[in-house]
PDB file of N, CA and C in Angstrom:
ATOM      1  N   MET A   1      22.021 -20.693  54.372  1.00  0.00           N
ATOM      2  CA  MET A   1      23.245 -20.898  55.115  1.00  0.00           C
ATOM      3  C   MET A   1      22.905 -21.135  56.574  1.00  0.00           C
ATOM      4  N   ASN A   2      23.651 -21.984  57.194  1.00  0.00           N
ATOM      5  CA  ASN A   2      23.449 -22.299  58.607  1.00  0.00           C
ATOM      6  C   ASN A   2      24.731 -22.063  59.376  1.00  0.00           C
ATOM      7  N   SER A   3      24.567 -21.815  60.674  1.00  0.00           N
ATOM      8  CA  SER A   3      25.711 -21.804  61.584  1.00  0.00           C
ATOM      9  C   SER A   3      25.232 -22.396  62.898  1.00  0.00           C
ATOM     10  N   THR A   4      26.167 -22.855  63.702  1.00  0.00           N
ATOM     11  CA  THR A   4      25.850 -23.520  64.955  1.00  0.00           C
ATOM     12  C   THR A   4      26.132 -22.590  66.122  1.00  0.00           C
ATOM     13  N   VAL A   5      25.296 -22.650  67.151  1.00  0.00           N
ATOM     14  CA  VAL A   5      25.518 -21.882  68.378  1.00  0.00           C
ATOM     15  C   VAL A   5      26.362 -22.749  69.308  1.00  0.00           C
ATOM     16  N   THR A   6      27.468 -22.177  69.814  1.00  0.00           N
ATOM     17  CA  THR A   6      28.364 -22.931  70.695  1.00  0.00           C
ATOM     18  C   THR A   6      27.826 -22.931  72.130  1.00  0.00           C
ATOM     19  N   THR A   7      28.531 -23.639  73.013  1.00  0.00           N
ATOM     20  CA  THR A   7      28.129 -23.684  74.423  1.00  0.00           C
ATOM     21  C   THR A   7      28.237 -22.313  75.088  1.00  0.00           C
ATOM     22  N   LYS A   8      28.982 -21.395  74.483  1.00  0.00           N
ATOM     23  CA  LYS A   8      29.082 -20.021  74.996  1.00  0.00           C
ATOM     24  C   LYS A   8      28.098 -19.088  74.275  1.00  0.00           C
ATOM     25  N   TYR A   9      27.159 -19.659  73.550  1.00  0.00           N
ATOM     26  CA  TYR A   9      26.153 -18.920  72.782  1.00  0.00           C
ATOM     27  C   TYR A   9      26.776 -18.012  71.730  1.00  0.00           C
ATOM     28  N   GLN A  10      27.853 -18.468  71.131  1.00  0.00           N
ATOM     29  CA  GLN A  10      28.506 -17.757  70.042  1.00  0.00           C
ATOM     30  C   GLN A  10      28.227 -18.491  68.743  1.00  0.00           C
ATOM     31  N   THR A  11      28.320 -17.757  67.636  1.00  0.00           N
ATOM     32  CA  THR A  11      28.150 -18.375  66.326  1.00  0.00           C
ATOM     33  C   THR A  11      29.069 -17.684  65.336  1.00  0.00           C
ATOM     34  N   THR A  12      29.309 -18.316  64.208  1.00  0.00           N
ATOM     35  CA  THR A  12      30.137 -17.745  63.156  1.00  0.00           C
ATOM     36  C   THR A  12      29.227 -17.209  62.059  1.00  0.00           C
ATOM     37  N   ILE A  13      29.502 -15.991  61.639  1.00  0.00           N
ATOM     38  CA  ILE A  13      28.746 -15.409  60.524  1.00  0.00           C
ATOM     39  C   ILE A  13      29.364 -15.957  59.242  1.00  0.00           C
ATOM     40  N   PRO A  14      28.568 -16.581  58.404  1.00  0.00           N
ATOM     41  CA  PRO A  14      29.129 -17.145  57.164  1.00  0.00           C
ATOM     42  C   PRO A  14      29.846 -16.085  56.330  1.00  0.00           C
ATOM     43  N   LYS A  15      30.921 -16.501  55.675  1.00  0.00           N
ATOM     44  CA  LYS A  15      31.760 -15.591  54.902  1.00  0.00           C
ATOM     45  C   LYS A  15      30.966 -14.799  53.864  1.00  0.00           C
ATOM     46  N   ALA A  16      30.068 -15.446  53.158  1.00  0.00           N
ATOM     47  CA  ALA A  16      29.282 -14.757  52.124  1.00  0.00           C
ATOM     48  C   ALA A  16      28.451 -13.615  52.727  1.00  0.00           C
ATOM     49  N   ILE A  17      27.917 -13.842  53.921  1.00  0.00           N
ATOM     50  CA  ILE A  17      27.123 -12.806  54.599  1.00  0.00           C
ATOM     51  C   ILE A  17      28.031 -11.663  55.039  1.00  0.00           C
ATOM     52  N   ARG A  18      29.185 -11.998  55.647  1.00  0.00           N
ATOM     53  CA  ARG A  18      30.146 -10.968  56.082  1.00  0.00           C
ATOM     54  C   ARG A  18      30.554 -10.087  54.918  1.00  0.00           C
ATOM     55  N   GLU A  19      30.860 -10.711  53.798  1.00  0.00           N
ATOM     56  CA  GLU A  19      31.299  -9.950  52.628  1.00  0.00           C
ATOM     57  C   GLU A  19      30.192  -9.076  52.065  1.00  0.00           C
ATOM     58  N   LYS A  20      28.986  -9.636  51.992  1.00  0.00           N
ATOM     59  CA  LYS A  20      27.864  -8.871  51.417  1.00  0.00           C
ATOM     60  C   LYS A  20      27.513  -7.661  52.270  1.00  0.00           C
ATOM     61  N   LEU A  21      27.609  -7.810  53.606  1.00  0.00           N
ATOM     62  CA  LEU A  21      27.252  -6.712  54.509  1.00  0.00           C
ATOM     63  C   LEU A  21      28.447  -5.858  54.916  1.00  0.00           C
ATOM     64  N   GLY A  22      29.637  -6.229  54.480  1.00  0.00           N
ATOM     65  CA  GLY A  22      30.829  -5.454  54.822  1.00  0.00           C
ATOM     66  C   GLY A  22      31.193  -5.542  56.291  1.00  0.00           C
ATOM     67  N   ILE A  23      30.929  -6.685  56.910  1.00  0.00           N
ATOM     68  CA  ILE A  23      31.222  -6.880  58.329  1.00  0.00           C
ATOM     69  C   ILE A  23      32.678  -7.297  58.478  1.00  0.00           C
ATOM     70  N   SER A  24      33.364  -6.652  59.426  1.00  0.00           N
ATOM     71  CA  SER A  24      34.763  -6.943  59.663  1.00  0.00           C
ATOM     72  C   SER A  24      34.994  -7.168  61.154  1.00  0.00           C
ATOM     73  N   VAL A  25      36.204  -7.548  61.514  1.00  0.00           N
ATOM     74  CA  VAL A  25      36.575  -7.773  62.909  1.00  0.00           C
ATOM     75  C   VAL A  25      36.296  -6.510  63.731  1.00  0.00           C
ATOM     76  N   ASN A  26      35.733  -6.689  64.904  1.00  0.00           N
ATOM     77  CA  ASN A  26      35.391  -5.629  65.858  1.00  0.00           C
ATOM     78  C   ASN A  26      34.201  -4.769  65.441  1.00  0.00           C
ATOM     79  N   ASP A  27      33.524  -5.091  64.350  1.00  0.00           N
ATOM     80  CA  ASP A  27      32.301  -4.370  63.998  1.00  0.00           C
ATOM     81  C   ASP A  27      31.206  -4.728  64.990  1.00  0.00           C
ATOM     82  N   ALA A  28      30.291  -3.807  65.198  1.00  0.00           N
ATOM     83  CA  ALA A  28      29.155  -4.044  66.095  1.00  0.00           C
ATOM     84  C   ALA A  28      27.966  -4.556  65.283  1.00  0.00           C
ATOM     85  N   LEU A  29      27.163  -5.382  65.929  1.00  0.00           N
ATOM     86  CA  LEU A  29      25.937  -5.896  65.314  1.00  0.00           C
ATOM     87  C   LEU A  29      24.763  -5.532  66.208  1.00  0.00           C
ATOM     88  N   GLU A  30      23.664  -5.169  65.593  1.00  0.00           N
ATOM     89  CA  GLU A  30      22.433  -4.879  66.328  1.00  0.00           C
ATOM     90  C   GLU A  30      21.488  -6.059  66.132  1.00  0.00           C
ATOM     91  N   TRP A  31      20.999  -6.596  67.249  1.00  0.00           N
ATOM     92  CA  TRP A  31      20.108  -7.752  67.217  1.00  0.00           C
ATOM     93  C   TRP A  31      18.700  -7.318  67.584  1.00  0.00           C
ATOM     94  N   ALA A  32      17.705  -7.875  66.901  1.00  0.00           N
ATOM     95  CA  ALA A  32      16.303  -7.572  67.198  1.00  0.00           C
ATOM     96  C   ALA A  32      15.462  -8.810  66.902  1.00  0.00           C
ATOM     97  N   VAL A  33      14.300  -8.865  67.527  1.00  0.00           N
ATOM     98  CA  VAL A  33      13.319  -9.910  67.227  1.00  0.00           C
ATOM     99  C   VAL A  33      12.136  -9.206  66.585  1.00  0.00           C
ATOM    100  N   GLU A  34      11.852  -9.589  65.352  1.00  0.00           N
ATOM    101  CA  GLU A  34      10.745  -8.993  64.595  1.00  0.00           C
ATOM    102  C   GLU A  34       9.854 -10.110  64.072  1.00  0.00           C
ATOM    103  N   ASN A  35       8.616 -10.102  64.488  1.00  0.00           N
ATOM    104  CA  ASN A  35       7.640 -11.113  64.060  1.00  0.00           C
ATOM    105  C   ASN A  35       8.149 -12.527  64.315  1.00  0.00           C
ATOM    106  N   GLY A  36       8.773 -12.729  65.462  1.00  0.00           N
ATOM    107  CA  GLY A  36       9.241 -14.058  65.833  1.00  0.00           C
ATOM    108  C   GLY A  36      10.521 -14.503  65.154  1.00  0.00           C
ATOM    109  N   GLN A  37      11.182 -13.598  64.434  1.00  0.00           N
ATOM    110  CA  GLN A  37      12.440 -13.934  63.764  1.00  0.00           C
ATOM    111  C   GLN A  37      13.551 -13.035  64.284  1.00  0.00           C
ATOM    112  N   VAL A  38      14.745 -13.594  64.341  1.00  0.00           N
ATOM    113  CA  VAL A  38      15.911 -12.811  64.745  1.00  0.00           C
ATOM    114  C   VAL A  38      16.417 -12.041  63.525  1.00  0.00           C
ATOM    115  N   VAL A  39      16.613 -10.740  63.713  1.00  0.00           N
ATOM    116  CA  VAL A  39      17.123  -9.891  62.641  1.00  0.00           C
ATOM    117  C   VAL A  39      18.413  -9.250  63.146  1.00  0.00           C
ATOM    118  N   VAL A  40      19.461  -9.357  62.358  1.00  0.00           N
ATOM    119  CA  VAL A  40      20.766  -8.809  62.735  1.00  0.00           C
ATOM    120  C   VAL A  40      21.179  -7.771  61.697  1.00  0.00           C
ATOM    121  N   HIS A  41      21.563  -6.594  62.182  1.00  0.00           N
ATOM    122  CA  HIS A  41      22.008  -5.514  61.297  1.00  0.00           C
ATOM    123  C   HIS A  41      23.413  -5.088  61.699  1.00  0.00           C
ATOM    124  N   PRO A  42      24.307  -4.871  60.736  1.00  0.00           N
ATOM    125  CA  PRO A  42      25.609  -4.308  61.093  1.00  0.00           C
ATOM    126  C   PRO A  42      25.431  -2.845  61.483  1.00  0.00           C
ATOM    127  N   VAL A  43      26.174  -2.414  62.470  1.00  0.00           N
ATOM    128  CA  VAL A  43      26.144  -1.018  62.908  1.00  0.00           C
ATOM    129  C   VAL A  43      27.418  -0.378  62.373  1.00  0.00           C
ATOM    130  N   HIS A  44      27.282   0.412  61.332  1.00  0.00           N
ATOM    131  CA  HIS A  44      28.434   1.071  60.735  1.00  0.00           C
ATOM    132  C   HIS A  44      28.541   2.471  61.306  1.00  0.00           C
ATOM    133  N   SER A  45      29.684   2.758  61.902  1.00  0.00           N
ATOM    134  CA  SER A  45      29.922   4.073  62.485  1.00  0.00           C
ATOM    135  C   SER A  45      30.050   5.103  61.377  1.00  0.00           C
ATOM    136  N   GLU A  46      29.441   6.254  61.594  1.00  0.00           N
ATOM    137  CA  GLU A  46      29.552   7.331  60.620  1.00  0.00           C
ATOM    138  C   GLU A  46      30.726   8.251  60.941  1.00  0.00           C
ATOM    139  N   PHE A  47      31.504   7.882  61.951  1.00  0.00           N
ATOM    140  CA  PHE A  47      32.608   8.723  62.394  1.00  0.00           C
ATOM    141  C   PHE A  47      33.551   9.086  61.253  1.00  0.00           C
ATOM    142  N   LEU A  48      33.952   8.107  60.469  1.00  0.00           N
ATOM    143  CA  LEU A  48      34.918   8.372  59.407  1.00  0.00           C
ATOM    144  C   LEU A  48      34.334   9.179  58.253  1.00  0.00           C
ATOM    145  N   SER A  49      33.029   9.316  58.194  1.00  0.00           N
ATOM    146  CA  SER A  49      32.438  10.126  57.130  1.00  0.00           C
ATOM    147  C   SER A  49      32.767  11.606  57.315  1.00  0.00           C
ATOM    148  N   TYR A  50      33.231  11.987  58.503  1.00  0.00           N
ATOM    149  CA  TYR A  50      33.592  13.386  58.775  1.00  0.00           C
ATOM    150  C   TYR A  50      35.054  13.675  58.475  1.00  0.00           C
ATOM    151  N   ARG A  51      35.780  12.669  57.974  1.00  0.00           N
ATOM    152  CA  ARG A  51      37.196  12.848  57.669  1.00  0.00           C
ATOM    153  C   ARG A  51      37.389  14.023  56.724  1.00  0.00           C
ATOM    154  N   GLY A  52      38.298  14.918  57.076  1.00  0.00           N
ATOM    155  CA  GLY A  52      38.621  16.062  56.229  1.00  0.00           C
ATOM    156  C   GLY A  52      37.686  17.245  56.400  1.00  0.00           C
ATOM    157  N   SER A  53      36.679  17.147  57.244  1.00  0.00           N
ATOM    158  CA  SER A  53      35.727  18.252  57.391  1.00  0.00           C
ATOM    159  C   SER A  53      36.250  19.362  58.292  1.00  0.00           C
ATOM    160  N   VAL A  54      37.244  19.066  59.109  1.00  0.00           N
ATOM    161  CA  VAL A  54      37.851  20.075  59.964  1.00  0.00           C
ATOM    162  C   VAL A  54      39.236  20.377  59.411  1.00  0.00           C
ATOM    163  N   LYS A  55      39.445  21.617  59.050  1.00  0.00           N
ATOM    164  CA  LYS A  55      40.728  22.015  58.476  1.00  0.00           C
ATOM    165  C   LYS A  55      41.630  22.554  59.579  1.00  0.00           C
ATOM    166  N   THR A  56      42.825  22.060  59.625  1.00  0.00           N
ATOM    167  CA  THR A  56      43.804  22.537  60.590  1.00  0.00           C
ATOM    168  C   THR A  56      45.087  22.870  59.865  1.00  0.00           C
ATOM    169  N   GLY A  57      45.810  23.774  60.427  1.00  0.00           N
ATOM    170  CA  GLY A  57      47.098  24.130  59.851  1.00  0.00           C
ATOM    171  C   GLY A  57      48.206  23.558  60.709  1.00  0.00           C
ATOM    172  N   ALA A  58      49.408  23.819  60.293  1.00  0.00           N
ATOM    173  CA  ALA A  58      50.553  23.392  61.086  1.00  0.00           C
ATOM    174  C   ALA A  58      50.511  24.152  62.402  1.00  0.00           C
ATOM    175  N   GLY A  59      50.791  23.479  63.476  1.00  0.00           N
ATOM    176  CA  GLY A  59      50.725  24.117  64.787  1.00  0.00           C
ATOM    177  C   GLY A  59      52.095  24.298  65.401  1.00  0.00           C
ATOM    178  N   ASP A  60      52.098  25.018  66.502  1.00  0.00           N
ATOM    179  CA  ASP A  60      53.314  25.217  67.284  1.00  0.00           C
ATOM    180  C   ASP A  60      53.012  24.664  68.663  1.00  0.00           C
ATOM    181  N   ILE A  61      53.388  23.427  68.913  1.00  0.00           N
ATOM    182  CA  ILE A  61      53.014  22.741  70.142  1.00  0.00           C
ATOM    183  C   ILE A  61      53.525  23.478  71.371  1.00  0.00           C
ATOM    184  N   SER A  62      54.734  24.031  71.294  1.00  0.00           N
ATOM    185  CA  SER A  62      55.285  24.765  72.443  1.00  0.00           C
ATOM    186  C   SER A  62      54.434  25.985  72.757  1.00  0.00           C
ATOM    187  N   ALA A  63      54.038  26.719  71.734  1.00  0.00           N
ATOM    188  CA  ALA A  63      53.192  27.902  71.938  1.00  0.00           C
ATOM    189  C   ALA A  63      51.823  27.501  72.459  1.00  0.00           C
ATOM    190  N   ASP A  64      51.285  26.391  71.969  1.00  0.00           N
ATOM    191  CA  ASP A  64      49.980  25.920  72.438  1.00  0.00           C
ATOM    192  C   ASP A  64      50.034  25.538  73.914  1.00  0.00           C
ATOM    193  N   ILE A  65      51.099  24.867  74.315  1.00  0.00           N
ATOM    194  CA  ILE A  65      51.247  24.484  75.722  1.00  0.00           C
ATOM    195  C   ILE A  65      51.378  25.718  76.591  1.00  0.00           C
ATOM    196  N   GLN A  66      52.184  26.660  76.156  1.00  0.00           N
ATOM    197  CA  GLN A  66      52.361  27.895  76.924  1.00  0.00           C
ATOM    198  C   GLN A  66      51.047  28.661  77.044  1.00  0.00           C
ATOM    199  N   SER A  67      50.286  28.732  75.966  1.00  0.00           N
ATOM    200  CA  SER A  67      48.989  29.407  75.986  1.00  0.00           C
ATOM    201  C   SER A  67      48.030  28.714  76.957  1.00  0.00           C
ATOM    202  N   ALA A  68      48.017  27.389  76.944  1.00  0.00           N
ATOM    203  CA  ALA A  68      47.149  26.640  77.862  1.00  0.00           C
ATOM    204  C   ALA A  68      47.552  26.896  79.304  1.00  0.00           C
ATOM    205  N   ARG A  69      48.850  26.959  79.572  1.00  0.00           N
ATOM    206  CA  ARG A  69      49.325  27.244  80.935  1.00  0.00           C
ATOM    207  C   ARG A  69      48.879  28.637  81.385  1.00  0.00           C
ATOM    208  N   GLU A  70      49.011  29.600  80.489  1.00  0.00           N
ATOM    209  CA  GLU A  70      48.624  30.976  80.821  1.00  0.00           C
ATOM    210  C   GLU A  70      47.122  31.073  81.079  1.00  0.00           C
ATOM    211  N   GLN A  71      46.329  30.402  80.271  1.00  0.00           N
ATOM    212  CA  GLN A  71      44.873  30.418  80.473  1.00  0.00           C
ATOM    213  C   GLN A  71      44.504  29.773  81.802  1.00  0.00           C
ATOM    214  N   ARG A  72      45.182  28.690  82.147  1.00  0.00           N
ATOM    215  CA  ARG A  72      44.911  28.018  83.407  1.00  0.00           C
ATOM    216  C   ARG A  72      45.276  28.922  84.585  1.00  0.00           C
ATOM    217  N   MET A  73      46.405  29.623  84.484  1.00  0.00           N
ATOM    218  CA  MET A  73      46.827  30.511  85.560  1.00  0.00           C
ATOM    219  C   MET A  73      45.855  31.690  85.713  1.00  0.00           C
ATOM    220  N   GLU A  74      45.292  32.158  84.606  1.00  0.00           N
ATOM    221  CA  GLU A  74      44.313  33.271  84.659  1.00  0.00           C
ATOM    222  C   GLU A  74      43.081  32.872  85.471  1.00  0.00           C
ATOM    223  N   ARG A  75      42.695  31.612  85.393  1.00  0.00           N
ATOM    224  CA  ARG A  75      41.522  31.145  86.132  1.00  0.00           C
ATOM    225  C   ARG A  75      41.734  31.205  87.636  1.00  0.00           C
ATOM    226  N   TYR A  76      42.972  31.088  88.069  1.00  0.00           N
ATOM    227  CA  TYR A  76      43.269  31.034  89.495  1.00  0.00           C
ATOM    228  C   TYR A  76      43.678  32.384  90.067  1.00  0.00           C
ATOM    229  N   ARG A  77      43.661  33.429  89.286  1.00  0.00           N
ATOM    230  CA  ARG A  77      44.027  34.766  89.778  1.00  0.00           C
ATOM    231  C   ARG A  77      42.825  35.488  90.273  1.00  0.00           C
TER     232      ARG A  77
END
């Protein structure tokens, strides 16, 4: 597969490559030169792999705000 470099040094990743590597809009790519060849790797964030690992219960936002205010006032006493 080929793609062309534009005057702004941009190129299009062929659809088959995007699909095979799971590349989507706003994904990051890591570029490297290895043995005289350009190598591109998708950078997949592991952030979402932590989904559900922190358990939280229903909160009371008013009580939380009041507690934060009280803690802040304690610092200044």
